[in-house]
Amino acid sequence: MFVRLLESFLSNVTTTLYKGGFIIINIDIKEIIIRLLIALTIGGLTGLEREKSNQFAGFRTHILVAVGSCITSITSISLFTEYSMYCNTDPARLPAQVLSGIGFLGAGAILKTSNGIRGLTTAAGIWATACIGIAVGYGQYTLSISAWLFVMITLYMLRGIDKFLFRQEQAIFNITIKNIEEVAILFNIFKKSKISIKTMDIELEGEKCWKVSFFVIYDRRIILEELIKELNKSKNIISVDYFQ
């Protein structure tokens, strides 16, 4: 009911039927701004969840995807309105290209490492955000807001269910050390913290530094911040980064 009231309140679109059966759709500037603001809000709120999850495509990326998709739909409607009486036009052509092209951006969010693949949820979220942005641009408020709610339920609530069912978490640690002998100490620290190391990669970084990457599995009740503090106590450790 709320969405329907919102849709009727926001609707500032007029249609005119011309001779020959051509329907001209007129969207005023207020309606355009409203659609862009809705797309910005939807993209921003979706991106915030990805930002909190330490994903590469976060707040600003999702805003740009949603707003850009919305602009494409509005532009498509404008072109259809302007040229439909003179030639065959398809108002769905531009948005279709967005859905095809968004795959390149989604592929950039996917990170393949020796430990597996990360970023599939983010890539799917970018694609879903583009779809919702297109719907907003066409003025489909009921559809777009309902779809966005389902997306947020998937990202927030279903993740909680997943964590409840599966107690183990995964993380990748990137640790820069001064000498290779420090690796044995790192193993002892992880073992002491009851964190299981599945794979390890060592790369020479610069002339005197080594970058050690650990793929670990741990109980979700373990607080990683305490492990970070323990690692930083060593003078031979230059930096510690991790992502889940």
C-alpha atoms as a PDB file:
ATOM      1  CA  MET A   1       0.000   0.000   0.000  1.00  0.00           C
ATOM      2  CA  PHE A   2       2.791   2.433   0.916  1.00  0.00           C
ATOM      3  CA  VAL A   3       4.615   1.788  -2.347  1.00  0.00           C
ATOM      4  CA  ARG A   4       1.440   2.351  -4.364  1.00  0.00           C
ATOM      5  CA  LEU A   5       0.788   5.661  -2.606  1.00  0.00           C
ATOM      6  CA  LEU A   6       4.385   6.685  -3.222  1.00  0.00           C
ATOM      7  CA  GLU A   7       4.103   5.728  -6.871  1.00  0.00           C
ATOM      8  CA  SER A   8       0.948   7.786  -7.378  1.00  0.00           C
ATOM      9  CA  PHE A   9       2.449  10.756  -5.559  1.00  0.00           C
ATOM     10  CA  LEU A  10       5.685  10.731  -7.529  1.00  0.00           C
ATOM     11  CA  SER A  11       4.097  10.236 -10.931  1.00  0.00           C
ATOM     12  CA  ASN A  12       4.611  13.373 -13.015  1.00  0.00           C
ATOM     13  CA  VAL A  13       4.379  11.730 -16.414  1.00  0.00           C
ATOM     14  CA  THR A  14       1.923  12.729 -19.121  1.00  0.00           C
ATOM     15  CA  THR A  15       1.154  10.835 -22.309  1.00  0.00           C
ATOM     16  CA  THR A  16      -0.221  12.192 -25.543  1.00  0.00           C
ATOM     17  CA  LEU A  17      -1.757  10.080 -28.300  1.00  0.00           C
ATOM     18  CA  TYR A  18      -0.923  11.420 -31.755  1.00  0.00           C
ATOM     19  CA  LYS A  19      -2.558  10.577 -35.041  1.00  0.00           C
ATOM     20  CA  GLY A  20      -1.245   7.288 -36.336  1.00  0.00           C
ATOM     21  CA  GLY A  21      -1.142   5.665 -32.919  1.00  0.00           C
ATOM     22  CA  PHE A  22       2.117   7.216 -31.675  1.00  0.00           C
ATOM     23  CA  ILE A  23       2.213   7.669 -27.900  1.00  0.00           C
ATOM     24  CA  ILE A  24       4.464  10.476 -26.718  1.00  0.00           C
ATOM     25  CA  ILE A  25       5.699  10.221 -23.133  1.00  0.00           C
ATOM     26  CA  ASN A  26       6.550  13.500 -21.444  1.00  0.00           C
ATOM     27  CA  ILE A  27       8.617  13.463 -18.234  1.00  0.00           C
ATOM     28  CA  ASP A  28       9.104  16.773 -16.442  1.00  0.00           C
ATOM     29  CA  ILE A  29      12.305  17.799 -14.658  1.00  0.00           C
ATOM     30  CA  LYS A  30      10.832  17.097 -11.216  1.00  0.00           C
ATOM     31  CA  GLU A  31      10.132  13.493 -12.151  1.00  0.00           C
ATOM     32  CA  ILE A  32      13.641  13.079 -13.569  1.00  0.00           C
ATOM     33  CA  ILE A  33      15.249  14.385 -10.375  1.00  0.00           C
ATOM     34  CA  ILE A  34      13.043  12.156  -8.221  1.00  0.00           C
ATOM     35  CA  ARG A  35      14.001   9.077 -10.219  1.00  0.00           C
ATOM     36  CA  LEU A  36      17.691   9.913  -9.987  1.00  0.00           C
ATOM     37  CA  LEU A  37      17.438  10.460  -6.224  1.00  0.00           C
ATOM     38  CA  ILE A  38      15.659   7.141  -5.736  1.00  0.00           C
ATOM     39  CA  ALA A  39      18.320   5.384  -7.803  1.00  0.00           C
ATOM     40  CA  LEU A  40      21.058   7.111  -5.796  1.00  0.00           C
ATOM     41  CA  THR A  41      19.466   6.038  -2.503  1.00  0.00           C
ATOM     42  CA  ILE A  42      18.971   2.439  -3.584  1.00  0.00           C
ATOM     43  CA  GLY A  43      22.507   2.171  -4.948  1.00  0.00           C
ATOM     44  CA  GLY A  44      24.007   3.820  -1.877  1.00  0.00           C
ATOM     45  CA  LEU A  45      22.246   1.607   0.654  1.00  0.00           C
ATOM     46  CA  THR A  46      23.155  -1.515  -1.292  1.00  0.00           C
ATOM     47  CA  GLY A  47      26.766  -0.353  -1.600  1.00  0.00           C
ATOM     48  CA  LEU A  48      27.028   0.327   2.130  1.00  0.00           C
ATOM     49  CA  GLU A  49      26.496  -3.348   2.881  1.00  0.00           C
ATOM     50  CA  ARG A  50      29.246  -4.305   0.421  1.00  0.00           C
ATOM     51  CA  GLU A  51      31.509  -1.599   1.884  1.00  0.00           C
ATOM     52  CA  LYS A  52      31.058  -3.043   5.371  1.00  0.00           C
ATOM     53  CA  SER A  53      32.029  -6.447   4.003  1.00  0.00           C
ATOM     54  CA  ASN A  54      35.365  -5.009   2.774  1.00  0.00           C
ATOM     55  CA  GLN A  55      34.524  -5.560  -0.880  1.00  0.00           C
ATOM     56  CA  PHE A  56      36.262  -3.693  -3.701  1.00  0.00           C
ATOM     57  CA  ALA A  57      32.969  -2.517  -5.231  1.00  0.00           C
ATOM     58  CA  GLY A  58      31.256  -0.611  -2.454  1.00  0.00           C
ATOM     59  CA  PHE A  59      29.306   2.558  -1.730  1.00  0.00           C
ATOM     60  CA  ARG A  60      30.267   4.810  -4.643  1.00  0.00           C
ATOM     61  CA  THR A  61      30.412   2.015  -7.198  1.00  0.00           C
ATOM     62  CA  HIS A  62      26.832   0.913  -6.546  1.00  0.00           C
ATOM     63  CA  ILE A  63      25.623   4.524  -6.620  1.00  0.00           C
ATOM     64  CA  LEU A  64      27.226   5.074 -10.013  1.00  0.00           C
ATOM     65  CA  VAL A  65      25.774   1.825 -11.357  1.00  0.00           C
ATOM     66  CA  ALA A  66      22.242   2.626 -10.153  1.00  0.00           C
ATOM     67  CA  VAL A  67      22.285   6.262 -11.286  1.00  0.00           C
ATOM     68  CA  GLY A  68      23.911   5.404 -14.616  1.00  0.00           C
ATOM     69  CA  SER A  69      21.312   2.722 -15.322  1.00  0.00           C
ATOM     70  CA  CYS A  70      18.538   5.133 -14.378  1.00  0.00           C
ATOM     71  CA  ILE A  71      19.950   7.775 -16.735  1.00  0.00           C
ATOM     72  CA  THR A  72      20.036   5.203 -19.525  1.00  0.00           C
ATOM     73  CA  SER A  73      16.333   4.420 -19.087  1.00  0.00           C
ATOM     74  CA  ILE A  74      15.361   8.087 -18.969  1.00  0.00           C
ATOM     75  CA  THR A  75      17.461   8.818 -22.051  1.00  0.00           C
ATOM     76  CA  SER A  76      15.866   5.880 -23.840  1.00  0.00           C
ATOM     77  CA  ILE A  77      12.395   7.232 -23.092  1.00  0.00           C
ATOM     78  CA  SER A  78      13.414  10.703 -24.298  1.00  0.00           C
ATOM     79  CA  LEU A  79      14.830   9.354 -27.561  1.00  0.00           C
ATOM     80  CA  PHE A  80      11.722   7.252 -28.101  1.00  0.00           C
ATOM     81  CA  THR A  81       9.545  10.312 -27.508  1.00  0.00           C
ATOM     82  CA  GLU A  82      11.528  12.464 -29.904  1.00  0.00           C
ATOM     83  CA  TYR A  83      12.000  10.073 -32.813  1.00  0.00           C
ATOM     84  CA  SER A  84       9.207   7.476 -32.612  1.00  0.00           C
ATOM     85  CA  MET A  85       7.063   9.384 -35.132  1.00  0.00           C
ATOM     86  CA  TYR A  86       9.851   9.418 -37.711  1.00  0.00           C
ATOM     87  CA  CYS A  87      11.499   6.007 -37.460  1.00  0.00           C
ATOM     88  CA  ASN A  88      11.315   2.673 -35.693  1.00  0.00           C
ATOM     89  CA  THR A  89      12.736   3.021 -32.193  1.00  0.00           C
ATOM     90  CA  ASP A  90      13.110   0.560 -29.347  1.00  0.00           C
ATOM     91  CA  PRO A  91      13.064   2.074 -25.822  1.00  0.00           C
ATOM     92  CA  ALA A  92      14.565  -1.122 -24.398  1.00  0.00           C
ATOM     93  CA  ARG A  93      17.681  -1.114 -26.568  1.00  0.00           C
ATOM     94  CA  LEU A  94      19.878   1.146 -24.421  1.00  0.00           C
ATOM     95  CA  PRO A  95      19.041  -0.578 -21.099  1.00  0.00           C
ATOM     96  CA  ALA A  96      19.734  -3.935 -22.753  1.00  0.00           C
ATOM     97  CA  GLN A  97      23.248  -2.741 -23.533  1.00  0.00           C
ATOM     98  CA  VAL A  98      23.686  -1.733 -19.892  1.00  0.00           C
ATOM     99  CA  LEU A  99      22.868  -5.249 -18.707  1.00  0.00           C
ATOM    100  CA  SER A 100      25.331  -6.659 -21.218  1.00  0.00           C
ATOM    101  CA  GLY A 101      28.092  -4.205 -20.386  1.00  0.00           C
ATOM    102  CA  ILE A 102      27.702  -4.447 -16.621  1.00  0.00           C
ATOM    103  CA  GLY A 103      29.278  -7.881 -16.849  1.00  0.00           C
ATOM    104  CA  PHE A 104      32.694  -6.293 -17.325  1.00  0.00           C
ATOM    105  CA  LEU A 105      32.311  -4.347 -14.089  1.00  0.00           C
ATOM    106  CA  GLY A 106      31.060  -7.425 -12.278  1.00  0.00           C
ATOM    107  CA  ALA A 107      34.040  -9.410 -13.525  1.00  0.00           C
ATOM    108  CA  GLY A 108      36.330  -6.786 -12.019  1.00  0.00           C
ATOM    109  CA  ALA A 109      34.759  -7.393  -8.607  1.00  0.00           C
ATOM    110  CA  ILE A 110      35.603 -11.106  -8.731  1.00  0.00           C
ATOM    111  CA  LEU A 111      38.976 -11.960  -7.216  1.00  0.00           C
ATOM    112  CA  LYS A 112      40.512 -15.327  -8.042  1.00  0.00           C
ATOM    113  CA  THR A 113      43.294 -16.498  -5.776  1.00  0.00           C
ATOM    114  CA  SER A 114      44.961 -19.793  -5.050  1.00  0.00           C
ATOM    115  CA  ASN A 115      42.549 -20.083  -2.128  1.00  0.00           C
ATOM    116  CA  GLY A 116      39.380 -19.818  -4.185  1.00  0.00           C
ATOM    117  CA  ILE A 117      37.118 -17.190  -5.691  1.00  0.00           C
ATOM    118  CA  ARG A 118      35.785 -14.099  -3.916  1.00  0.00           C
ATOM    119  CA  GLY A 119      33.399 -11.404  -5.033  1.00  0.00           C
ATOM    120  CA  LEU A 120      30.637 -13.437  -6.681  1.00  0.00           C
ATOM    121  CA  THR A 121      27.993 -11.946  -4.390  1.00  0.00           C
ATOM    122  CA  THR A 122      29.314  -8.448  -5.089  1.00  0.00           C
ATOM    123  CA  ALA A 123      29.249  -9.071  -8.844  1.00  0.00           C
ATOM    124  CA  ALA A 124      25.664 -10.326  -8.623  1.00  0.00           C
ATOM    125  CA  GLY A 125      24.785  -7.312  -6.473  1.00  0.00           C
ATOM    126  CA  ILE A 126      26.176  -4.924  -9.087  1.00  0.00           C
ATOM    127  CA  TRP A 127      24.093  -6.619 -11.776  1.00  0.00           C
ATOM    128  CA  ALA A 128      20.955  -6.507  -9.586  1.00  0.00           C
ATOM    129  CA  THR A 129      21.595  -2.827  -8.800  1.00  0.00           C
ATOM    130  CA  ALA A 130      21.784  -2.081 -12.523  1.00  0.00           C
ATOM    131  CA  CYS A 131      18.470  -3.879 -13.084  1.00  0.00           C
ATOM    132  CA  ILE A 132      16.818  -1.906 -10.297  1.00  0.00           C
ATOM    133  CA  GLY A 133      18.270   1.359 -11.627  1.00  0.00           C
ATOM    134  CA  ILE A 134      16.754   0.618 -15.033  1.00  0.00           C
ATOM    135  CA  ALA A 135      13.361  -0.043 -13.432  1.00  0.00           C
ATOM    136  CA  VAL A 136      13.567   3.238 -11.511  1.00  0.00           C
ATOM    137  CA  GLY A 137      14.423   5.084 -14.713  1.00  0.00           C
ATOM    138  CA  TYR A 138      11.276   3.699 -16.327  1.00  0.00           C
ATOM    139  CA  GLY A 139       9.211   4.822 -13.350  1.00  0.00           C
ATOM    140  CA  GLN A 140       8.491   1.303 -12.092  1.00  0.00           C
ATOM    141  CA  TYR A 141       8.561   2.285  -8.431  1.00  0.00           C
ATOM    142  CA  THR A 142       6.630  -0.705  -7.096  1.00  0.00           C
ATOM    143  CA  LEU A 143       8.863  -3.153  -8.945  1.00  0.00           C
ATOM    144  CA  SER A 144      12.145  -1.408  -8.154  1.00  0.00           C
ATOM    145  CA  ILE A 145      11.515  -0.846  -4.440  1.00  0.00           C
ATOM    146  CA  SER A 146      10.183  -4.387  -3.967  1.00  0.00           C
ATOM    147  CA  ALA A 147      13.190  -5.842  -5.786  1.00  0.00           C
ATOM    148  CA  TRP A 148      15.574  -3.720  -3.716  1.00  0.00           C
ATOM    149  CA  LEU A 149      13.976  -4.987  -0.492  1.00  0.00           C
ATOM    150  CA  PHE A 150      14.546  -8.567  -1.633  1.00  0.00           C
ATOM    151  CA  VAL A 151      18.172  -7.728  -2.437  1.00  0.00           C
ATOM    152  CA  MET A 152      18.722  -6.258   1.030  1.00  0.00           C
ATOM    153  CA  ILE A 153      17.067  -9.259   2.669  1.00  0.00           C
ATOM    154  CA  THR A 154      19.447 -11.499   0.746  1.00  0.00           C
ATOM    155  CA  LEU A 155      22.535  -9.489   1.698  1.00  0.00           C
ATOM    156  CA  TYR A 156      21.705  -8.949   5.373  1.00  0.00           C
ATOM    157  CA  MET A 157      19.291 -11.560   6.709  1.00  0.00           C
ATOM    158  CA  LEU A 158      20.362 -14.565   4.657  1.00  0.00           C
ATOM    159  CA  ARG A 159      23.999 -13.897   5.521  1.00  0.00           C
ATOM    160  CA  GLY A 160      23.043 -14.105   9.187  1.00  0.00           C
ATOM    161  CA  ILE A 161      21.307 -17.421   8.574  1.00  0.00           C
ATOM    162  CA  ASP A 162      24.377 -18.671   6.743  1.00  0.00           C
ATOM    163  CA  LYS A 163      26.624 -17.724   9.652  1.00  0.00           C
ATOM    164  CA  PHE A 164      24.224 -19.371  12.100  1.00  0.00           C
ATOM    165  CA  LEU A 165      24.248 -22.641  10.187  1.00  0.00           C
ATOM    166  CA  PHE A 166      27.987 -22.679   9.450  1.00  0.00           C
ATOM    167  CA  ARG A 167      30.194 -21.771  12.400  1.00  0.00           C
ATOM    168  CA  GLN A 168      33.467 -21.592  10.473  1.00  0.00           C
ATOM    169  CA  GLU A 169      34.714 -18.459   8.756  1.00  0.00           C
ATOM    170  CA  GLN A 170      37.375 -17.955   6.112  1.00  0.00           C
ATOM    171  CA  ALA A 171      39.939 -15.181   5.827  1.00  0.00           C
ATOM    172  CA  ILE A 172      43.075 -14.282   3.907  1.00  0.00           C
ATOM    173  CA  PHE A 173      46.007 -12.693   5.735  1.00  0.00           C
ATOM    174  CA  ASN A 174      48.673 -10.756   3.845  1.00  0.00           C
ATOM    175  CA  ILE A 175      51.661 -10.244   6.154  1.00  0.00           C
ATOM    176  CA  THR A 176      54.863  -8.445   5.184  1.00  0.00           C
ATOM    177  CA  ILE A 177      57.933  -9.587   7.128  1.00  0.00           C
ATOM    178  CA  LYS A 178      61.603  -8.587   7.225  1.00  0.00           C
ATOM    179  CA  ASN A 179      63.118 -12.079   7.148  1.00  0.00           C
ATOM    180  CA  ILE A 180      61.940 -15.496   6.069  1.00  0.00           C
ATOM    181  CA  GLU A 181      62.620 -17.004   9.495  1.00  0.00           C
ATOM    182  CA  GLU A 182      59.585 -15.114  10.783  1.00  0.00           C
ATOM    183  CA  VAL A 183      57.290 -17.601   8.993  1.00  0.00           C
ATOM    184  CA  ALA A 184      57.801 -20.187  11.733  1.00  0.00           C
ATOM    185  CA  ILE A 185      56.777 -17.622  14.341  1.00  0.00           C
ATOM    186  CA  LEU A 186      53.654 -16.806  12.327  1.00  0.00           C
ATOM    187  CA  PHE A 187      52.706 -20.480  12.279  1.00  0.00           C
ATOM    188  CA  ASN A 188      53.023 -20.638  16.057  1.00  0.00           C
ATOM    189  CA  ILE A 189      50.874 -17.526  16.527  1.00  0.00           C
ATOM    190  CA  PHE A 190      48.103 -18.918  14.325  1.00  0.00           C
ATOM    191  CA  LYS A 191      48.287 -22.284  16.070  1.00  0.00           C
ATOM    192  CA  LYS A 192      48.127 -20.625  19.481  1.00  0.00           C
ATOM    193  CA  SER A 193      45.027 -18.710  18.379  1.00  0.00           C
ATOM    194  CA  LYS A 194      43.388 -21.978  17.201  1.00  0.00           C
ATOM    195  CA  ILE A 195      43.303 -20.826  13.581  1.00  0.00           C
ATOM    196  CA  SER A 196      43.805 -23.469  10.921  1.00  0.00           C
ATOM    197  CA  ILE A 197      46.109 -22.602   7.994  1.00  0.00           C
ATOM    198  CA  LYS A 198      44.968 -24.218   4.749  1.00  0.00           C
ATOM    199  CA  THR A 199      47.373 -22.717   2.205  1.00  0.00           C
ATOM    200  CA  MET A 200      50.352 -20.368   2.245  1.00  0.00           C
ATOM    201  CA  ASP A 201      52.101 -18.334  -0.475  1.00  0.00           C
ATOM    202  CA  ILE A 202      55.438 -16.532  -0.092  1.00  0.00           C
ATOM    203  CA  GLU A 203      56.641 -13.795  -2.437  1.00  0.00           C
ATOM    204  CA  LEU A 204      59.741 -11.622  -2.367  1.00  0.00           C
ATOM    205  CA  GLU A 205      58.625  -8.013  -2.073  1.00  0.00           C
ATOM    206  CA  GLY A 206      61.452  -5.568  -2.653  1.00  0.00           C
ATOM    207  CA  GLU A 207      65.010  -6.416  -1.689  1.00  0.00           C
ATOM    208  CA  LYS A 208      64.610  -7.121   2.008  1.00  0.00           C
ATOM    209  CA  CYS A 209      60.933  -7.916   2.548  1.00  0.00           C
ATOM    210  CA  TRP A 210      58.753 -10.974   2.117  1.00  0.00           C
ATOM    211  CA  LYS A 211      54.998 -11.071   1.623  1.00  0.00           C
ATOM    212  CA  VAL A 212      53.336 -14.117   3.156  1.00  0.00           C
ATOM    213  CA  SER A 213      49.693 -14.887   2.313  1.00  0.00           C
ATOM    214  CA  PHE A 214      47.721 -17.268   4.517  1.00  0.00           C
ATOM    215  CA  PHE A 215      44.317 -18.721   3.731  1.00  0.00           C
ATOM    216  CA  VAL A 216      42.846 -19.669   7.101  1.00  0.00           C
ATOM    217  CA  ILE A 217      39.700 -21.191   8.559  1.00  0.00           C
ATOM    218  CA  TYR A 218      38.629 -20.310  12.084  1.00  0.00           C
ATOM    219  CA  ASP A 219      35.684 -20.446  14.433  1.00  0.00           C
ATOM    220  CA  ARG A 220      33.525 -17.366  14.025  1.00  0.00           C
ATOM    221  CA  ARG A 221      33.695 -16.727  17.769  1.00  0.00           C
ATOM    222  CA  ILE A 222      37.404 -15.915  17.471  1.00  0.00           C
ATOM    223  CA  ILE A 223      38.099 -12.173  17.421  1.00  0.00           C
ATOM    224  CA  LEU A 224      40.614 -11.476  14.671  1.00  0.00           C
ATOM    225  CA  GLU A 225      41.484  -8.040  16.050  1.00  0.00           C
ATOM    226  CA  GLU A 226      43.184  -9.723  18.992  1.00  0.00           C
ATOM    227  CA  LEU A 227      45.241 -11.815  16.588  1.00  0.00           C
ATOM    228  CA  ILE A 228      46.254  -8.657  14.701  1.00  0.00           C
ATOM    229  CA  LYS A 229      47.489  -7.102  17.946  1.00  0.00           C
ATOM    230  CA  GLU A 230      49.520 -10.218  18.683  1.00  0.00           C
ATOM    231  CA  LEU A 231      51.097 -10.167  15.219  1.00  0.00           C
ATOM    232  CA  ASN A 232      51.971  -6.482  15.426  1.00  0.00           C
ATOM    233  CA  LYS A 233      54.007  -7.089  18.583  1.00  0.00           C
ATOM    234  CA  SER A 234      56.773  -8.634  16.493  1.00  0.00           C
ATOM    235  CA  LYS A 235      59.439  -6.172  15.318  1.00  0.00           C
ATOM    236  CA  ASN A 236      60.060  -8.239  12.199  1.00  0.00           C
ATOM    237  CA  ILE A 237      56.492  -7.823  10.933  1.00  0.00           C
ATOM    238  CA  ILE A 238      56.096  -4.712   8.775  1.00  0.00           C
ATOM    239  CA  SER A 239      52.371  -4.820   8.027  1.00  0.00           C
ATOM    240  CA  VAL A 240      49.327  -7.044   8.485  1.00  0.00           C
ATOM    241  CA  ASP A 241      46.256  -6.944   6.238  1.00  0.00           C
ATOM    242  CA  TYR A 242      43.335  -9.320   6.086  1.00  0.00           C
ATOM    243  CA  PHE A 243      39.944  -9.657   4.465  1.00  0.00           C
ATOM    244  CA  GLN A 244      37.115 -12.124   4.958  1.00  0.00           C
END
